[in-house]
């Protein structure tokens, strides 16, 4: 399975981060251990939601969408 996840910063509540992985809990731990340059500035992170996809291509497409202005608006309003 491939997952697309959305994290919310505890220290800066208006910051969200969208990503893709095959192991959501491992990836969350990596974000909270400063292993990602962007996300380390806003740690700690909480897992808000994750969605499972059978296809890696579908997960990549949805992650890219969430990183667009339209996708961010969708995530804030619907997810």
N, C-alpha and C. Protein backbone atom coordinates (compact mmCIF):
# COMPACT_ATOMS: atom_id res chain seq x y z
N UNK A 1 0.84 -1.18 0.00
CA UNK A 1 0.00 0.00 0.00
C UNK A 1 0.89 1.25 0.00
N UNK A 2 0.35 2.28 -0.58
CA UNK A 2 1.02 3.58 -0.62
C UNK A 2 0.10 4.58 0.06
N UNK A 3 0.66 5.44 0.88
CA UNK A 3 -0.13 6.36 1.68
C UNK A 3 0.25 7.80 1.38
N UNK A 4 -0.76 8.66 1.37
CA UNK A 4 -0.56 10.09 1.32
C UNK A 4 -1.03 10.59 2.68
N UNK A 5 -0.20 11.40 3.32
CA UNK A 5 -0.51 11.84 4.68
C UNK A 5 -0.44 13.36 4.78
N UNK A 6 -1.15 13.87 5.77
CA UNK A 6 -1.10 15.30 6.08
C UNK A 6 -0.75 15.44 7.54
N UNK A 7 0.28 16.24 7.79
CA UNK A 7 0.72 16.53 9.15
C UNK A 7 0.37 17.97 9.48
N UNK A 8 0.13 18.23 10.78
CA UNK A 8 -0.07 19.59 11.24
C UNK A 8 0.96 19.90 12.30
N UNK A 9 1.56 21.07 12.20
CA UNK A 9 2.57 21.49 13.16
C UNK A 9 1.92 21.84 14.49
N UNK A 10 2.52 21.39 15.57
CA UNK A 10 2.05 21.74 16.91
C UNK A 10 2.49 23.16 17.26
N UNK A 11 3.70 23.53 16.85
CA UNK A 11 4.26 24.83 17.21
C UNK A 11 3.71 25.97 16.35
N UNK A 12 3.24 25.66 15.17
CA UNK A 12 2.71 26.68 14.25
C UNK A 12 1.45 26.10 13.60
N UNK A 13 0.30 26.27 14.26
CA UNK A 13 -0.93 25.56 13.91
C UNK A 13 -1.42 25.77 12.47
N UNK A 14 -0.98 26.82 11.81
CA UNK A 14 -1.45 27.04 10.43
C UNK A 14 -0.55 26.34 9.41
N UNK A 15 0.48 25.63 9.86
CA UNK A 15 1.38 24.91 8.95
C UNK A 15 0.93 23.47 8.81
N UNK A 16 0.78 23.05 7.55
CA UNK A 16 0.52 21.65 7.27
C UNK A 16 1.57 21.15 6.29
N UNK A 17 1.76 19.84 6.27
CA UNK A 17 2.72 19.23 5.38
C UNK A 17 2.07 18.00 4.78
N UNK A 18 2.15 17.86 3.47
CA UNK A 18 1.62 16.68 2.79
C UNK A 18 2.78 15.88 2.24
N UNK A 19 2.70 14.57 2.37
CA UNK A 19 3.75 13.70 1.87
C UNK A 19 3.20 12.35 1.48
N UNK A 20 4.11 11.49 1.02
CA UNK A 20 3.74 10.15 0.55
C UNK A 20 4.77 9.16 1.07
N UNK A 21 4.31 7.97 1.47
CA UNK A 21 5.19 6.95 2.03
C UNK A 21 4.53 5.58 1.98
N UNK A 22 5.29 4.57 2.30
CA UNK A 22 4.72 3.23 2.46
C UNK A 22 4.63 2.86 3.94
N UNK A 23 5.17 3.70 4.83
CA UNK A 23 5.13 3.46 6.28
C UNK A 23 4.90 4.81 6.99
N UNK A 24 3.66 5.08 7.32
CA UNK A 24 3.26 6.38 7.85
C UNK A 24 3.91 6.68 9.21
N UNK A 25 3.92 5.73 10.12
CA UNK A 25 4.47 5.99 11.46
C UNK A 25 5.98 6.22 11.41
N UNK A 26 6.70 5.48 10.58
CA UNK A 26 8.13 5.70 10.43
C UNK A 26 8.40 7.09 9.88
N UNK A 27 7.61 7.48 8.88
CA UNK A 27 7.80 8.79 8.26
C UNK A 27 7.49 9.93 9.24
N UNK A 28 6.45 9.78 10.05
CA UNK A 28 6.14 10.78 11.06
C UNK A 28 7.30 10.94 12.03
N UNK A 29 7.87 9.82 12.47
CA UNK A 29 9.01 9.86 13.39
C UNK A 29 10.20 10.57 12.73
N UNK A 30 10.43 10.34 11.44
CA UNK A 30 11.51 11.02 10.73
C UNK A 30 11.29 12.53 10.70
N UNK A 31 10.06 12.95 10.46
CA UNK A 31 9.77 14.39 10.45
C UNK A 31 10.04 15.00 11.84
N UNK A 32 9.69 14.29 12.88
CA UNK A 32 9.87 14.81 14.22
C UNK A 32 11.31 14.71 14.72
N UNK A 33 12.18 13.97 14.00
CA UNK A 33 13.60 13.87 14.35
C UNK A 33 14.47 14.79 13.50
N UNK A 34 13.90 15.74 12.81
CA UNK A 34 14.65 16.71 11.98
C UNK A 34 15.28 16.07 10.75
N UNK A 35 14.72 15.02 10.20
CA UNK A 35 15.32 14.39 9.03
C UNK A 35 14.82 14.97 7.72
N UNK A 36 14.05 16.04 7.78
CA UNK A 36 13.55 16.70 6.60
C UNK A 36 13.77 18.20 6.79
N UNK A 37 14.47 18.82 5.85
CA UNK A 37 14.85 20.23 6.00
C UNK A 37 13.65 21.16 6.20
N UNK A 38 12.62 21.01 5.37
CA UNK A 38 11.45 21.90 5.48
C UNK A 38 10.70 21.65 6.79
N UNK A 39 10.39 20.41 7.05
CA UNK A 39 9.51 20.12 8.19
C UNK A 39 10.21 20.29 9.53
N UNK A 40 11.53 20.28 9.58
CA UNK A 40 12.21 20.41 10.87
C UNK A 40 11.98 21.78 11.51
N UNK A 41 11.70 22.79 10.70
CA UNK A 41 11.48 24.14 11.23
C UNK A 41 10.19 24.25 12.04
N UNK A 42 9.25 23.36 11.79
CA UNK A 42 7.93 23.48 12.40
C UNK A 42 7.58 22.29 13.28
N UNK A 43 8.55 21.52 13.71
CA UNK A 43 8.26 20.34 14.53
C UNK A 43 7.84 20.77 15.92
N UNK A 44 7.17 19.98 16.69
CA UNK A 44 6.72 18.63 16.39
C UNK A 44 5.47 18.62 15.53
N UNK A 45 5.27 17.50 14.87
CA UNK A 45 4.15 17.31 13.95
C UNK A 45 3.18 16.28 14.50
N UNK A 46 1.91 16.48 14.19
CA UNK A 46 0.86 15.51 14.50
C UNK A 46 0.29 14.99 13.19
N UNK A 47 -0.03 13.73 13.17
CA UNK A 47 -0.65 13.13 11.99
C UNK A 47 -2.13 13.50 11.98
N UNK A 48 -2.55 14.23 10.97
CA UNK A 48 -3.96 14.64 10.86
C UNK A 48 -4.78 13.58 10.13
N UNK A 49 -4.26 13.10 9.01
CA UNK A 49 -5.00 12.13 8.19
C UNK A 49 -4.03 11.42 7.27
N UNK A 50 -4.38 10.18 6.93
CA UNK A 50 -3.65 9.51 5.87
C UNK A 50 -4.64 8.71 5.05
N UNK A 51 -4.33 8.61 3.76
CA UNK A 51 -5.20 7.92 2.81
C UNK A 51 -4.39 6.84 2.13
N UNK A 52 -4.98 5.67 1.95
CA UNK A 52 -4.28 4.54 1.34
C UNK A 52 -4.64 4.42 -0.14
N UNK A 53 -3.63 4.10 -0.93
CA UNK A 53 -3.80 3.89 -2.37
C UNK A 53 -3.15 2.57 -2.74
N UNK A 54 -3.79 1.82 -3.63
CA UNK A 54 -3.21 0.58 -4.13
C UNK A 54 -2.06 0.87 -5.08
N UNK A 55 -2.18 1.93 -5.82
CA UNK A 55 -1.22 2.26 -6.87
C UNK A 55 -0.29 3.38 -6.42
N UNK A 56 1.00 3.19 -6.63
CA UNK A 56 1.98 4.24 -6.31
C UNK A 56 1.71 5.48 -7.16
N UNK A 57 1.33 5.28 -8.41
CA UNK A 57 1.06 6.41 -9.31
C UNK A 57 -0.11 7.25 -8.81
N UNK A 58 -1.15 6.60 -8.29
CA UNK A 58 -2.29 7.35 -7.74
C UNK A 58 -1.86 8.17 -6.52
N UNK A 59 -1.03 7.58 -5.67
CA UNK A 59 -0.55 8.28 -4.49
C UNK A 59 0.30 9.49 -4.89
N UNK A 60 1.16 9.32 -5.87
CA UNK A 60 2.00 10.43 -6.34
C UNK A 60 1.13 11.55 -6.90
N UNK A 61 0.14 11.20 -7.69
CA UNK A 61 -0.75 12.20 -8.29
C UNK A 61 -1.51 12.96 -7.21
N UNK A 62 -2.03 12.25 -6.21
CA UNK A 62 -2.80 12.93 -5.16
C UNK A 62 -1.88 13.80 -4.29
N UNK A 63 -0.68 13.34 -3.99
CA UNK A 63 0.26 14.15 -3.22
C UNK A 63 0.60 15.44 -3.97
N UNK A 64 0.86 15.33 -5.26
CA UNK A 64 1.16 16.52 -6.06
C UNK A 64 -0.03 17.49 -6.05
N UNK A 65 -1.24 16.96 -6.12
CA UNK A 65 -2.43 17.80 -6.08
C UNK A 65 -2.52 18.53 -4.74
N UNK A 66 -2.26 17.83 -3.63
CA UNK A 66 -2.34 18.46 -2.31
C UNK A 66 -1.33 19.58 -2.13
N UNK A 67 -0.27 19.58 -2.93
CA UNK A 67 0.77 20.61 -2.82
C UNK A 67 0.49 21.81 -3.72
N UNK A 68 -0.63 21.81 -4.42
CA UNK A 68 -1.04 22.96 -5.22
C UNK A 68 -1.94 23.84 -4.37
N UNK A 69 -2.11 25.11 -4.75
CA UNK A 69 -3.05 25.97 -4.00
C UNK A 69 -4.46 25.38 -3.91
N UNK A 70 -4.93 24.82 -5.01
CA UNK A 70 -6.26 24.21 -5.03
C UNK A 70 -6.32 23.00 -4.09
N UNK A 71 -5.27 22.20 -4.09
CA UNK A 71 -5.21 21.02 -3.23
C UNK A 71 -5.13 21.38 -1.76
N UNK A 72 -4.40 22.44 -1.43
CA UNK A 72 -4.32 22.88 -0.04
C UNK A 72 -5.68 23.38 0.45
N UNK A 73 -6.39 24.10 -0.41
CA UNK A 73 -7.73 24.57 -0.05
C UNK A 73 -8.66 23.38 0.16
N UNK A 74 -8.59 22.39 -0.73
CA UNK A 74 -9.39 21.18 -0.59
C UNK A 74 -9.10 20.49 0.74
N UNK A 75 -7.82 20.31 1.07
CA UNK A 75 -7.43 19.63 2.31
C UNK A 75 -7.94 20.36 3.53
N UNK A 76 -7.81 21.67 3.56
CA UNK A 76 -8.28 22.45 4.71
C UNK A 76 -9.79 22.39 4.88
N UNK A 77 -10.50 22.38 3.76
CA UNK A 77 -11.96 22.40 3.82
C UNK A 77 -12.57 21.01 3.99
N UNK A 78 -12.03 20.02 3.32
CA UNK A 78 -12.66 18.69 3.28
C UNK A 78 -12.00 17.63 4.14
N UNK A 79 -10.71 17.77 4.39
CA UNK A 79 -10.02 16.74 5.16
C UNK A 79 -9.74 17.29 6.53
